[in-house]
Amino acid sequence: MPCPCCSGAQYAQCCQVFHQGKAAPTPEALMRSRYSAFALELADYLKHTWHPQTRPQTLTLEPDTQWLKLDVLTSSDNAEQGKVSFVATFQEQGEYLQLAEESNFVRENGLWYYLDGNAQFEPLKPGRNDPCLCGSGKKFKKCCG
């Protein structure tokens, strides 16, 4: 199965190894694995990789949310801090939305953790000739739009 993080790799060789306990080597790898965890509804992994200072007490994932696409815009890190900017496209309650976020990561005891992020949600505004997110090969507006 292709990895939900849109890396182009198979899930077993990409995010699954992190979901099974291997430490993510970079903030981008952690962010991609967290996106995949949202897509696969792995709430325990999300909580485990969230820094204890900012982690919510409870985390409820919406089972009707369908995560469709991840675009990593920028990624940077030094020994102790990192940033990843991305856009995630998803469908919820019949509406296509995009989450744009610049996420902050911190490294402690050799492990990267999601710290926080500046998230903005907007309705998806596909271009006239953009391909459909469902993979049909048709234009978005003539298919699912």
N, C-alpha and C. Protein backbone atom coordinates (compact mmCIF):
# COMPACT_ATOMS: atom_id res chain seq x y z
N MET A 1 0.85 -1.17 0.00
CA MET A 1 0.00 0.00 0.00
C MET A 1 0.90 1.24 0.00
N PRO A 2 0.56 2.23 -0.82
CA PRO A 2 1.34 3.48 -0.83
C PRO A 2 1.22 4.18 0.53
N CYS A 3 2.29 4.83 0.93
CA CYS A 3 2.27 5.53 2.22
C CYS A 3 1.33 6.73 2.14
N PRO A 4 0.49 6.92 3.15
CA PRO A 4 -0.42 8.07 3.15
C PRO A 4 0.29 9.42 3.09
N CYS A 5 1.59 9.48 3.48
CA CYS A 5 2.30 10.77 3.54
C CYS A 5 2.70 11.29 2.16
N CYS A 6 2.35 10.55 1.10
CA CYS A 6 2.60 10.98 -0.28
C CYS A 6 4.09 11.07 -0.63
N SER A 7 4.92 10.27 0.05
CA SER A 7 6.36 10.27 -0.25
C SER A 7 6.67 9.53 -1.54
N GLY A 8 5.74 8.68 -1.99
CA GLY A 8 5.97 7.84 -3.15
C GLY A 8 6.46 6.45 -2.78
N ALA A 9 6.80 6.26 -1.51
CA ALA A 9 7.25 4.95 -1.03
C ALA A 9 6.07 4.13 -0.52
N GLN A 10 6.30 2.86 -0.35
CA GLN A 10 5.29 1.99 0.25
C GLN A 10 5.25 2.24 1.75
N TYR A 11 4.07 2.12 2.34
CA TYR A 11 3.88 2.36 3.77
C TYR A 11 4.85 1.54 4.60
N ALA A 12 5.06 0.27 4.25
CA ALA A 12 5.93 -0.61 5.04
C ALA A 12 7.38 -0.11 5.08
N GLN A 13 7.82 0.58 4.05
CA GLN A 13 9.18 1.11 4.01
C GLN A 13 9.25 2.58 4.40
N CYS A 14 8.15 3.18 4.73
CA CYS A 14 8.12 4.62 5.02
C CYS A 14 7.65 4.85 6.46
N CYS A 15 6.45 5.27 6.65
CA CYS A 15 5.96 5.66 7.98
C CYS A 15 5.66 4.50 8.92
N GLN A 16 5.41 3.32 8.39
CA GLN A 16 5.08 2.19 9.27
C GLN A 16 6.21 1.89 10.25
N VAL A 17 7.45 2.04 9.83
CA VAL A 17 8.57 1.75 10.74
C VAL A 17 8.57 2.71 11.94
N PHE A 18 8.13 3.94 11.73
CA PHE A 18 8.02 4.89 12.84
C PHE A 18 6.82 4.56 13.71
N HIS A 19 5.72 4.17 13.08
CA HIS A 19 4.53 3.78 13.84
C HIS A 19 4.80 2.56 14.70
N GLN A 20 5.77 1.76 14.30
CA GLN A 20 6.11 0.55 15.06
C GLN A 20 7.22 0.77 16.09
N GLY A 21 7.69 2.02 16.22
CA GLY A 21 8.63 2.31 17.30
C GLY A 21 9.98 2.88 16.92
N LYS A 22 10.36 2.85 15.66
CA LYS A 22 11.64 3.45 15.26
C LYS A 22 11.54 4.97 15.41
N ALA A 23 12.59 5.60 15.90
CA ALA A 23 12.61 7.06 16.08
C ALA A 23 12.77 7.74 14.72
N ALA A 24 11.97 8.76 14.48
CA ALA A 24 12.07 9.54 13.25
C ALA A 24 13.38 10.32 13.28
N PRO A 25 14.18 10.27 12.19
CA PRO A 25 15.50 10.92 12.20
C PRO A 25 15.47 12.42 12.00
N THR A 26 14.37 12.96 11.47
CA THR A 26 14.27 14.39 11.19
C THR A 26 12.87 14.89 11.53
N PRO A 27 12.72 16.21 11.69
CA PRO A 27 11.37 16.75 11.89
C PRO A 27 10.44 16.43 10.72
N GLU A 28 10.96 16.47 9.49
CA GLU A 28 10.10 16.16 8.34
C GLU A 28 9.61 14.72 8.38
N ALA A 29 10.50 13.79 8.72
CA ALA A 29 10.09 12.39 8.83
C ALA A 29 9.03 12.23 9.92
N LEU A 30 9.20 12.92 11.04
CA LEU A 30 8.20 12.85 12.10
C LEU A 30 6.88 13.46 11.64
N MET A 31 6.94 14.59 10.97
CA MET A 31 5.70 15.24 10.51
C MET A 31 4.98 14.34 9.51
N ARG A 32 5.71 13.73 8.58
CA ARG A 32 5.09 12.83 7.60
C ARG A 32 4.45 11.63 8.32
N SER A 33 5.14 11.09 9.32
CA SER A 33 4.59 9.95 10.04
C SER A 33 3.37 10.35 10.86
N ARG A 34 3.34 11.58 11.34
CA ARG A 34 2.17 12.07 12.08
C ARG A 34 0.99 12.27 11.12
N TYR A 35 1.26 12.80 9.92
CA TYR A 35 0.19 12.92 8.93
C TYR A 35 -0.40 11.54 8.63
N SER A 36 0.49 10.56 8.41
CA SER A 36 0.02 9.20 8.14
C SER A 36 -0.78 8.66 9.32
N ALA A 37 -0.36 9.01 10.53
CA ALA A 37 -1.09 8.56 11.73
C ALA A 37 -2.50 9.17 11.77
N PHE A 38 -2.63 10.42 11.35
CA PHE A 38 -3.97 11.01 11.26
C PHE A 38 -4.79 10.24 10.22
N ALA A 39 -4.18 9.96 9.07
CA ALA A 39 -4.90 9.26 8.00
C ALA A 39 -5.32 7.85 8.42
N LEU A 40 -4.50 7.21 9.24
CA LEU A 40 -4.76 5.83 9.67
C LEU A 40 -5.40 5.75 11.06
N GLU A 41 -5.72 6.92 11.63
CA GLU A 41 -6.37 7.02 12.95
C GLU A 41 -5.56 6.35 14.05
N LEU A 42 -4.26 6.66 14.10
CA LEU A 42 -3.37 6.12 15.12
C LEU A 42 -3.16 7.16 16.22
N ALA A 43 -4.16 7.36 17.04
CA ALA A 43 -4.15 8.40 18.07
C ALA A 43 -3.03 8.19 19.08
N ASP A 44 -2.73 6.96 19.45
CA ASP A 44 -1.66 6.71 20.42
C ASP A 44 -0.31 7.19 19.90
N TYR A 45 -0.04 6.97 18.62
CA TYR A 45 1.22 7.44 18.03
C TYR A 45 1.28 8.96 18.06
N LEU A 46 0.18 9.60 17.73
CA LEU A 46 0.14 11.07 17.74
C LEU A 46 0.43 11.60 19.13
N LYS A 47 -0.18 11.02 20.13
CA LYS A 47 0.07 11.47 21.51
C LYS A 47 1.51 11.20 21.93
N HIS A 48 2.04 10.05 21.55
CA HIS A 48 3.40 9.67 21.93
C HIS A 48 4.44 10.61 21.32
N THR A 49 4.18 11.14 20.13
CA THR A 49 5.14 12.00 19.43
C THR A 49 4.87 13.49 19.65
N TRP A 50 3.91 13.81 20.49
CA TRP A 50 3.57 15.20 20.84
C TRP A 50 4.33 15.54 22.11
N HIS A 51 4.99 16.67 22.14
CA HIS A 51 5.78 17.05 23.32
C HIS A 51 4.88 17.14 24.55
N PRO A 52 5.31 16.59 25.68
CA PRO A 52 4.46 16.57 26.88
C PRO A 52 4.00 17.96 27.35
N GLN A 53 4.76 19.01 27.07
CA GLN A 53 4.36 20.36 27.50
C GLN A 53 3.17 20.89 26.72
N THR A 54 2.97 20.42 25.50
CA THR A 54 1.89 20.95 24.68
C THR A 54 0.87 19.90 24.28
N ARG A 55 1.08 18.67 24.67
CA ARG A 55 0.19 17.55 24.31
C ARG A 55 -1.17 17.72 24.99
N PRO A 56 -2.25 17.54 24.23
CA PRO A 56 -3.59 17.61 24.85
C PRO A 56 -3.83 16.39 25.74
N GLN A 57 -4.68 16.57 26.74
CA GLN A 57 -5.02 15.46 27.64
C GLN A 57 -5.69 14.32 26.87
N THR A 58 -6.60 14.69 25.98
CA THR A 58 -7.29 13.70 25.17
C THR A 58 -7.16 14.10 23.70
N LEU A 59 -7.23 13.12 22.86
CA LEU A 59 -7.14 13.37 21.42
C LEU A 59 -8.19 12.51 20.74
N THR A 60 -9.16 13.17 20.14
CA THR A 60 -10.23 12.47 19.44
C THR A 60 -10.07 12.73 17.94
N LEU A 61 -9.93 11.65 17.20
CA LEU A 61 -9.83 11.76 15.74
C LEU A 61 -11.20 11.56 15.13
N GLU A 62 -11.50 12.34 14.13
CA GLU A 62 -12.78 12.25 13.44
C GLU A 62 -12.74 11.12 12.42
N PRO A 63 -13.50 10.05 12.63
CA PRO A 63 -13.43 8.91 11.71
C PRO A 63 -13.94 9.23 10.30
N ASP A 64 -14.72 10.29 10.16
CA ASP A 64 -15.25 10.65 8.85
C ASP A 64 -14.30 11.54 8.05
N THR A 65 -13.18 11.96 8.65
CA THR A 65 -12.21 12.78 7.95
C THR A 65 -11.36 11.89 7.06
N GLN A 66 -11.27 12.26 5.79
CA GLN A 66 -10.47 11.50 4.83
C GLN A 66 -9.29 12.39 4.41
N TRP A 67 -8.09 11.99 4.81
CA TRP A 67 -6.88 12.72 4.46
C TRP A 67 -6.46 12.31 3.06
N LEU A 68 -6.29 13.29 2.16
CA LEU A 68 -6.11 13.00 0.74
C LEU A 68 -4.72 13.28 0.19
N LYS A 69 -4.06 14.31 0.70
CA LYS A 69 -2.80 14.72 0.06
C LYS A 69 -1.97 15.54 1.03
N LEU A 70 -0.66 15.32 0.98
CA LEU A 70 0.28 16.09 1.78
C LEU A 70 1.32 16.70 0.86
N ASP A 71 1.52 18.00 0.99
CA ASP A 71 2.58 18.70 0.27
C ASP A 71 3.49 19.36 1.31
N VAL A 72 4.74 18.92 1.37
CA VAL A 72 5.72 19.55 2.25
C VAL A 72 6.32 20.71 1.47
N LEU A 73 6.23 21.91 2.04
CA LEU A 73 6.72 23.11 1.37
C LEU A 73 8.18 23.40 1.74
N THR A 74 8.49 23.39 3.03
CA THR A 74 9.86 23.61 3.50
C THR A 74 10.09 22.75 4.75
N SER A 75 11.36 22.47 4.97
CA SER A 75 11.75 21.70 6.15
C SER A 75 13.15 22.11 6.55
N SER A 76 13.36 22.35 7.84
CA SER A 76 14.69 22.71 8.31
C SER A 76 14.86 22.22 9.74
N ASP A 77 16.12 21.99 10.12
CA ASP A 77 16.38 21.62 11.50
C ASP A 77 17.84 21.85 11.83
N ASN A 78 18.08 22.02 13.13
CA ASN A 78 19.44 22.01 13.65
C ASN A 78 19.46 20.90 14.70
N ALA A 79 20.40 20.89 15.55
CA ALA A 79 20.53 19.78 16.50
C ALA A 79 19.35 19.63 17.44
N GLU A 80 18.67 20.73 17.80
CA GLU A 80 17.64 20.67 18.84
C GLU A 80 16.25 21.17 18.42
N GLN A 81 16.15 21.90 17.31
CA GLN A 81 14.87 22.46 16.88
C GLN A 81 14.68 22.26 15.39
N GLY A 82 13.40 22.23 14.98
CA GLY A 82 13.11 22.09 13.57
C GLY A 82 11.78 22.73 13.22
N LYS A 83 11.59 22.97 11.93
CA LYS A 83 10.34 23.54 11.41
C LYS A 83 9.98 22.81 10.12
N VAL A 84 8.69 22.60 9.94
CA VAL A 84 8.20 22.02 8.69
C VAL A 84 6.94 22.78 8.30
N SER A 85 6.93 23.30 7.09
CA SER A 85 5.74 23.95 6.54
C SER A 85 5.11 22.99 5.55
N PHE A 86 3.80 22.84 5.64
CA PHE A 86 3.11 21.90 4.77
C PHE A 86 1.68 22.33 4.52
N VAL A 87 1.08 21.71 3.51
CA VAL A 87 -0.34 21.85 3.22
C VAL A 87 -0.91 20.45 3.13
N ALA A 88 -1.94 20.19 3.92
CA ALA A 88 -2.63 18.90 3.90
C ALA A 88 -4.04 19.11 3.39
N THR A 89 -4.44 18.30 2.44
CA THR A 89 -5.78 18.39 1.87
C THR A 89 -6.61 17.23 2.41
N PHE A 90 -7.83 17.54 2.81
CA PHE A 90 -8.70 16.50 3.37
C PHE A 90 -10.15 16.79 3.06
N GLN A 91 -10.97 15.77 3.25
CA GLN A 91 -12.41 15.91 3.05
C GLN A 91 -13.09 15.60 4.39
N GLU A 92 -14.03 16.47 4.75
CA GLU A 92 -14.76 16.30 6.00
C GLU A 92 -16.19 16.78 5.79
N GLN A 93 -17.13 15.94 6.13
CA GLN A 93 -18.56 16.26 5.98
C GLN A 93 -18.88 16.75 4.57
N GLY A 94 -18.30 16.08 3.57
CA GLY A 94 -18.58 16.40 2.18
C GLY A 94 -17.89 17.64 1.64
N GLU A 95 -17.06 18.29 2.45
CA GLU A 95 -16.37 19.50 2.03
C GLU A 95 -14.87 19.23 1.93
N TYR A 96 -14.25 19.75 0.87
CA TYR A 96 -12.81 19.63 0.70
C TYR A 96 -12.14 20.84 1.35
N LEU A 97 -11.16 20.57 2.21
CA LEU A 97 -10.48 21.62 2.95
C LEU A 97 -8.97 21.45 2.85
N GLN A 98 -8.26 22.53 3.18
CA GLN A 98 -6.81 22.47 3.26
C GLN A 98 -6.36 23.03 4.60
N LEU A 99 -5.40 22.36 5.18
CA LEU A 99 -4.75 22.79 6.41
C LEU A 99 -3.34 23.22 6.03
N ALA A 100 -3.02 24.49 6.23
CA ALA A 100 -1.67 24.99 6.01
C ALA A 100 -1.08 25.26 7.39
N GLU A 101 0.11 24.72 7.62
CA GLU A 101 0.70 24.87 8.95
C GLU A 101 2.21 24.95 8.87
N GLU A 102 2.78 25.77 9.74
CA GLU A 102 4.21 25.74 10.00
C GLU A 102 4.35 25.12 11.39
N SER A 103 4.88 23.91 11.42
CA SER A 103 4.99 23.15 12.66
C SER A 103 6.37 23.33 13.27
N ASN A 104 6.40 23.37 14.60
CA ASN A 104 7.65 23.46 15.35
C ASN A 104 7.92 22.13 16.03
N PHE A 105 9.18 21.72 15.97
CA PHE A 105 9.61 20.46 16.56
C PHE A 105 10.79 20.71 17.48
N VAL A 106 10.92 19.86 18.48
CA VAL A 106 12.04 19.95 19.41
C VAL A 106 12.61 18.55 19.60
N ARG A 107 13.92 18.50 19.77
CA ARG A 107 14.60 17.21 19.98
C ARG A 107 15.07 17.13 21.42
N GLU A 108 14.66 16.05 22.09
CA GLU A 108 15.06 15.81 23.47
C GLU A 108 15.48 14.36 23.62
N ASN A 109 16.61 14.14 24.25
CA ASN A 109 17.12 12.79 24.47
C ASN A 109 17.16 11.96 23.18
N GLY A 110 17.51 12.62 22.09
CA GLY A 110 17.65 11.94 20.81
C GLY A 110 16.35 11.72 20.04
N LEU A 111 15.22 12.17 20.58
CA LEU A 111 13.92 11.97 19.93
C LEU A 111 13.30 13.29 19.52
N TRP A 112 12.74 13.32 18.31
CA TRP A 112 12.02 14.50 17.85
C TRP A 112 10.57 14.44 18.34
N TYR A 113 10.04 15.60 18.73
CA TYR A 113 8.65 15.72 19.18
C TYR A 113 8.00 16.90 18.46
N TYR A 114 6.72 16.74 18.14
CA TYR A 114 5.92 17.87 17.65
C TYR A 114 5.67 18.78 18.85
N LEU A 115 5.97 20.06 18.71
CA LEU A 115 5.77 21.01 19.80
C LEU A 115 4.47 21.79 19.61
N ASP A 116 4.36 22.50 18.50
CA ASP A 116 3.15 23.26 18.20
C ASP A 116 3.21 23.73 16.75
N GLY A 117 2.17 24.43 16.34
CA GLY A 117 2.13 24.91 14.97
C GLY A 117 1.12 26.02 14.79
N ASN A 118 1.31 26.75 13.73
CA ASN A 118 0.39 27.81 13.36
C ASN A 118 -0.46 27.28 12.21
N ALA A 119 -1.68 26.84 12.54
CA ALA A 119 -2.54 26.19 11.56
C ALA A 119 -3.59 27.14 11.01
N GLN A 120 -3.81 27.04 9.70
CA GLN A 120 -4.87 27.81 9.04
C GLN A 120 -5.66 26.85 8.16
N PHE A 121 -6.99 26.90 8.31
CA PHE A 121 -7.88 26.04 7.52
C PHE A 121 -8.61 26.89 6.50
N GLU A 122 -8.68 26.37 5.27
CA GLU A 122 -9.39 27.06 4.19
C GLU A 122 -10.09 26.03 3.31
N PRO A 123 -11.18 26.44 2.68
CA PRO A 123 -11.79 25.56 1.68
C PRO A 123 -10.82 25.35 0.52
N LEU A 124 -10.83 24.17 -0.06
CA LEU A 124 -9.98 23.88 -1.21
C LEU A 124 -10.48 24.70 -2.40
N LYS A 125 -9.55 25.36 -3.08
CA LYS A 125 -9.88 26.14 -4.26
C LYS A 125 -9.09 25.57 -5.44
N PRO A 126 -9.60 24.48 -6.02
CA PRO A 126 -8.85 23.86 -7.12
C PRO A 126 -8.85 24.75 -8.36
N GLY A 127 -7.75 24.64 -9.08
CA GLY A 127 -7.65 25.35 -10.36
C GLY A 127 -8.53 24.68 -11.40
N ARG A 128 -8.76 25.38 -12.47
CA ARG A 128 -9.66 24.91 -13.51
C ARG A 128 -9.28 23.54 -14.06
N ASN A 129 -8.00 23.28 -14.20
CA ASN A 129 -7.54 22.03 -14.80
C ASN A 129 -6.86 21.08 -13.82
N ASP A 130 -7.01 21.32 -12.53
CA ASP A 130 -6.37 20.45 -11.54
C ASP A 130 -6.97 19.05 -11.59
N PRO A 131 -6.11 18.02 -11.45
CA PRO A 131 -6.63 16.65 -11.45
C PRO A 131 -7.42 16.38 -10.18
N CYS A 132 -8.36 15.47 -10.27
CA CYS A 132 -9.18 15.12 -9.11
C CYS A 132 -8.34 14.39 -8.08
N LEU A 133 -8.62 14.65 -6.83
CA LEU A 133 -7.88 14.03 -5.72
C LEU A 133 -8.21 12.55 -5.56
N CYS A 134 -9.30 12.10 -6.16
CA CYS A 134 -9.70 10.69 -6.00
C CYS A 134 -8.85 9.76 -6.87
N GLY A 135 -8.06 10.34 -7.79
CA GLY A 135 -7.20 9.51 -8.63
C GLY A 135 -7.86 9.01 -9.91
N SER A 136 -9.02 9.53 -10.25
CA SER A 136 -9.74 9.07 -11.43
C SER A 136 -9.06 9.47 -12.74
N GLY A 137 -8.21 10.50 -12.67
CA GLY A 137 -7.59 11.01 -13.89
C GLY A 137 -8.40 12.12 -14.53
N LYS A 138 -9.61 12.35 -14.02
CA LYS A 138 -10.45 13.42 -14.54
C LYS A 138 -10.10 14.74 -13.86
N LYS A 139 -10.60 15.82 -14.42
CA LYS A 139 -10.43 17.13 -13.78
C LYS A 139 -11.30 17.16 -12.51
N PHE A 140 -10.79 17.80 -11.48
CA PHE A 140 -11.47 17.85 -10.20
C PHE A 140 -12.90 18.36 -10.32
N LYS A 141 -13.09 19.47 -11.04
CA LYS A 141 -14.43 20.07 -11.12
C LYS A 141 -15.44 19.21 -11.90
N LYS A 142 -14.95 18.29 -12.74
CA LYS A 142 -15.85 17.41 -13.48
C LYS A 142 -16.03 16.07 -12.79
N CYS A 143 -15.33 15.89 -11.68
CA CYS A 143 -15.40 14.59 -10.99
C CYS A 143 -16.00 14.79 -9.59
N CYS A 144 -15.17 15.06 -8.62
CA CYS A 144 -15.61 15.15 -7.21
C CYS A 144 -15.91 16.57 -6.77
N GLY A 145 -15.60 17.55 -7.58
CA GLY A 145 -15.74 18.96 -7.18
C GLY A 145 -17.10 19.51 -7.27
